[in-house]
Amino acid sequence: MVPAPERAARGRDREATEESLRAAAVALLRRGGVLAGLNLRQVADEARVNRGLVYQYFGSRRSLLRSALFHRSRPNAEDAVDAAGLPLRERLARLFWTSLRNPEPVRLATLLVLDGDDRPRVLLNRGAGRADLAAEAGRGELPVEDVEAVQAAIASTIYGYTLLREHLAREIGLPAEDLDKRMADCVEAMFAREGDRPAR
C-alpha cells in the first residue's frame, strides 16, 4: 500500500500536470485558432510533459477541452450565482463584463458545441437565471414574456459579442474598449421594458 504522503504528492503532481495540459490546449487554440486543430501530441509537447500522460489523464481531445472548460468557467459561474436575484439590468451587466474579462469558457464551450458535443451548457446560471427571469416576466418586467427565448437571446448576445469582439471592433474602426461600453448599453436596452430604456 502506498503511504498517504506519497499518495498526496502524486495527487498534487497529477493536478499540476492536468492543469499544464489544459493551459497548453488553451494556448495552442489561442495561437493557432480553432480551425488549426488541436493535436494531443502537440498539447503534451507544449506542456512539456510525457505524451502518454495526456492520453492517460484525458483520453481524447474532447475530454481535455471539457476539463479546460470546467476549470476555466468557475469564476464566471460563481459570478453568475452571485448575481442571481439582482435586477435584470444589473445581472446583464455582470454577465457581460465577466464574459469579457474571462472569455476562455465562451470560446471553449463554443468549440465543443461546434465539434458536436452536447454537454456544454451555454445558458448562464440556467436554473436560478430562469427562475429570476420567470419572476420578472410575472411582474411584467421583461420586454417579452417568453422566458426561454429571453434566456437564449441573452446567452447568444453575450456569447456572440465575446467571440466576435475584436473582429467587430476592427470592422467598425473602434478600439475594442470603446465598443465594449457601447455594447453594454445596447445589451441593457435590448432587454429592458420600453419604460425602463434610457431616454435619448
Protein backbone atom coordinates (compact mmCIF):
# COMPACT_ATOMS: atom_id res chain seq x y z
CA MET A 1 0.00 0.00 0.00
CA VAL A 2 1.27 3.49 -0.90
CA PRO A 3 1.81 5.73 2.15
CA ALA A 4 -0.59 8.68 2.48
CA PRO A 5 2.08 11.40 2.00
CA GLU A 6 3.22 9.75 -1.24
CA ARG A 7 -0.39 9.44 -2.48
CA ALA A 8 -0.94 13.14 -1.69
CA ALA A 9 2.22 14.11 -3.57
CA ARG A 10 1.16 12.02 -6.58
CA GLY A 11 -2.26 13.68 -6.49
CA ARG A 12 -0.66 17.15 -6.46
CA ASP A 13 1.65 16.15 -9.32
CA ARG A 14 -1.29 14.86 -11.36
CA GLU A 15 -3.35 18.03 -10.69
CA ALA A 16 -0.39 20.18 -11.74
CA THR A 17 0.16 18.10 -14.88
CA GLU A 18 -3.52 18.22 -15.80
CA GLU A 19 -3.55 22.00 -15.36
CA SER A 20 -0.42 22.29 -17.52
CA LEU A 21 -2.16 20.29 -20.23
CA ARG A 22 -5.33 22.40 -20.00
CA ALA A 23 -3.27 25.60 -20.20
CA ALA A 24 -1.30 24.24 -23.15
CA ALA A 25 -4.50 23.36 -25.03
CA VAL A 26 -5.91 26.85 -24.47
CA ALA A 27 -2.62 28.47 -25.52
CA LEU A 28 -2.47 26.40 -28.72
CA LEU A 29 -6.06 27.29 -29.59
CA ARG A 30 -5.38 30.96 -28.92
CA ARG A 31 -2.26 30.96 -31.12
CA GLY A 32 -3.38 28.69 -33.94
CA GLY A 33 -7.13 29.28 -33.97
CA VAL A 34 -9.79 26.65 -33.67
CA LEU A 35 -9.60 25.62 -37.33
CA ALA A 36 -5.92 24.69 -36.97
CA GLY A 37 -7.00 21.66 -34.96
CA LEU A 38 -5.75 20.51 -31.62
CA ASN A 39 -3.39 17.55 -31.62
CA LEU A 40 -2.88 15.86 -28.25
CA ARG A 41 0.80 15.25 -29.00
CA GLN A 42 1.27 18.98 -29.58
CA VAL A 43 -0.53 19.68 -26.31
CA ALA A 44 1.81 17.35 -24.43
CA ASP A 45 4.84 18.94 -26.11
CA GLU A 46 3.56 22.44 -25.31
CA ALA A 47 3.03 21.45 -21.67
CA ARG A 48 6.43 19.73 -21.63
CA VAL A 49 5.03 16.50 -20.26
CA ASN A 50 5.26 12.90 -21.37
CA ARG A 51 2.94 12.36 -24.33
CA GLY A 52 1.46 9.30 -22.71
CA LEU A 53 0.14 11.36 -19.79
CA VAL A 54 -2.24 13.40 -21.93
CA TYR A 55 -3.86 10.18 -23.13
CA GLN A 56 -3.77 8.62 -19.67
CA TYR A 57 -5.36 11.63 -17.96
CA PHE A 58 -7.82 12.73 -20.65
CA GLY A 59 -8.02 10.06 -23.34
CA SER A 60 -9.33 12.39 -26.04
CA ARG A 61 -9.23 15.95 -27.28
CA ARG A 62 -12.87 16.41 -26.32
CA SER A 63 -12.27 15.26 -22.73
CA LEU A 64 -9.32 17.63 -22.44
CA LEU A 65 -11.42 20.54 -23.71
CA ARG A 66 -14.29 19.63 -21.39
CA SER A 67 -11.88 19.65 -18.46
CA ALA A 68 -10.46 23.01 -19.54
CA LEU A 69 -13.98 24.40 -19.86
CA PHE A 70 -14.96 23.13 -16.41
CA HIS A 71 -11.91 24.65 -14.74
CA ARG A 72 -11.88 27.93 -16.69
CA SER A 73 -15.60 28.58 -16.20
CA ARG A 74 -15.61 28.52 -12.40
CA PRO A 75 -15.11 32.30 -11.95
CA ASN A 76 -17.87 33.04 -14.47
CA ALA A 77 -20.23 30.53 -12.84
CA GLU A 78 -19.54 31.92 -9.37
CA ASP A 79 -20.21 35.45 -10.59
CA ALA A 80 -23.49 34.32 -12.18
CA VAL A 81 -24.54 32.76 -8.88
CA ASP A 82 -23.59 35.95 -7.02
CA ALA A 83 -25.66 37.98 -9.49
CA ALA A 84 -28.78 35.84 -9.00
CA GLY A 85 -31.59 37.89 -7.54
CA LEU A 86 -30.24 41.22 -8.78
CA PRO A 87 -32.43 43.24 -11.13
CA LEU A 88 -32.13 42.13 -14.75
CA ARG A 89 -30.08 45.11 -15.91
CA GLU A 90 -27.51 44.54 -13.15
CA ARG A 91 -27.35 40.80 -13.88
CA LEU A 92 -26.83 41.50 -17.57
CA ALA A 93 -24.05 43.97 -16.85
CA ARG A 94 -22.32 41.46 -14.57
CA LEU A 95 -22.64 38.62 -17.10
CA PHE A 96 -21.46 40.82 -19.95
CA TRP A 97 -18.35 42.18 -18.21
CA THR A 98 -17.47 38.83 -16.61
CA SER A 99 -17.53 37.16 -20.03
CA LEU A 100 -15.25 39.84 -21.46
CA ARG A 101 -12.81 39.57 -18.54
CA ASN A 102 -12.69 35.77 -18.80
CA PRO A 103 -13.59 34.79 -22.39
CA GLU A 104 -11.96 31.33 -22.38
CA PRO A 105 -15.11 29.49 -21.19
CA VAL A 106 -17.13 31.03 -24.02
CA ARG A 107 -14.51 30.03 -26.58
CA LEU A 108 -14.14 26.51 -25.20
CA ALA A 109 -17.89 25.89 -24.95
CA THR A 110 -18.38 27.17 -28.50
CA LEU A 111 -15.60 24.95 -29.82
CA LEU A 112 -17.09 21.90 -28.11
CA VAL A 113 -20.59 22.69 -29.44
CA LEU A 114 -19.22 23.15 -32.95
CA ASP A 115 -17.45 19.82 -32.53
CA GLY A 116 -20.81 18.14 -31.91
CA ASP A 117 -20.58 17.88 -28.13
CA ASP A 118 -23.97 18.15 -26.41
CA ARG A 119 -22.58 18.51 -22.90
CA PRO A 120 -21.62 22.20 -22.66
CA ARG A 121 -24.28 24.40 -21.12
CA VAL A 122 -24.35 27.92 -22.53
CA LEU A 123 -27.37 29.26 -20.67
CA LEU A 124 -25.57 31.16 -17.95
CA ASN A 125 -26.74 30.19 -14.45
CA ARG A 126 -29.63 28.47 -16.20
CA GLY A 127 -31.56 27.28 -13.11
CA ALA A 128 -31.53 30.42 -10.99
CA GLY A 129 -31.33 32.62 -14.09
CA ARG A 130 -34.51 31.10 -15.49
CA ALA A 131 -36.26 31.46 -12.13
CA ASP A 132 -35.26 35.14 -11.92
CA LEU A 133 -36.49 35.74 -15.47
CA ALA A 134 -39.76 33.93 -14.80
CA ALA A 135 -40.37 36.10 -11.72
CA GLU A 136 -39.60 39.23 -13.74
CA ALA A 137 -41.91 38.08 -16.54
CA GLY A 138 -44.64 37.55 -13.93
CA ARG A 139 -44.17 41.15 -12.76
CA GLY A 140 -44.19 42.43 -16.36
CA GLU A 141 -40.52 43.45 -16.19
CA LEU A 142 -39.33 41.72 -19.39
CA PRO A 143 -39.72 43.14 -22.89
CA VAL A 144 -41.45 39.85 -23.83
CA GLU A 145 -42.96 37.11 -21.67
CA ASP A 146 -41.16 34.20 -23.36
CA VAL A 147 -38.62 33.36 -20.64
CA GLU A 148 -36.81 30.65 -22.62
CA ALA A 149 -36.41 32.93 -25.64
CA VAL A 150 -35.13 35.79 -23.47
CA GLN A 151 -32.65 33.49 -21.75
CA ALA A 152 -31.45 32.17 -25.13
CA ALA A 153 -31.23 35.71 -26.54
CA ILE A 154 -29.13 36.88 -23.58
CA ALA A 155 -26.75 33.92 -23.87
CA SER A 156 -26.50 34.32 -27.66
CA THR A 157 -25.80 38.03 -27.40
CA ILE A 158 -23.13 37.66 -24.72
CA TYR A 159 -21.51 34.65 -26.41
CA GLY A 160 -21.62 36.24 -29.84
CA TYR A 161 -20.10 39.50 -28.72
CA THR A 162 -17.44 37.79 -26.61
CA LEU A 163 -16.41 35.64 -29.58
CA LEU A 164 -16.50 38.41 -32.20
CA ARG A 165 -15.46 41.40 -30.06
CA GLU A 166 -12.06 42.15 -31.57
CA HIS A 167 -13.16 41.43 -35.13
CA LEU A 168 -16.23 43.66 -34.76
CA ALA A 169 -14.15 46.49 -33.30
CA ARG A 170 -11.70 46.29 -36.23
CA GLU A 171 -14.52 46.15 -38.76
CA ILE A 172 -16.26 49.17 -37.22
CA GLY A 173 -12.95 51.00 -36.75
CA LEU A 174 -13.11 51.47 -32.97
CA PRO A 175 -10.89 50.44 -30.09
CA ALA A 176 -12.47 47.32 -28.55
CA GLU A 177 -12.74 49.02 -25.16
CA ASP A 178 -14.87 51.81 -26.66
CA LEU A 179 -17.15 49.31 -28.36
CA ASP A 180 -17.46 47.34 -25.09
CA LYS A 181 -19.11 50.25 -23.30
CA ARG A 182 -21.45 50.98 -26.18
CA MET A 183 -22.34 47.30 -26.49
CA ALA A 184 -23.03 47.03 -22.74
CA ASP A 185 -25.50 49.92 -23.03
CA CYS A 186 -27.11 48.26 -26.06
CA VAL A 187 -27.47 44.89 -24.29
CA GLU A 188 -29.16 46.52 -21.31
CA ALA A 189 -31.52 48.44 -23.60
CA MET A 190 -32.37 45.31 -25.62
CA PHE A 191 -33.66 43.51 -22.55
CA ALA A 192 -35.33 46.39 -20.75
CA ARG A 193 -39.03 47.19 -20.90
CA GLU A 194 -39.97 50.19 -23.01
CA GLY A 195 -40.43 52.45 -19.96
CA ASP A 196 -37.09 51.38 -18.46
CA ARG A 197 -34.99 52.21 -21.51
CA PRO A 198 -32.74 55.25 -21.15
CA ALA A 199 -34.07 58.35 -22.88
CA ARG A 200 -32.04 59.52 -25.89
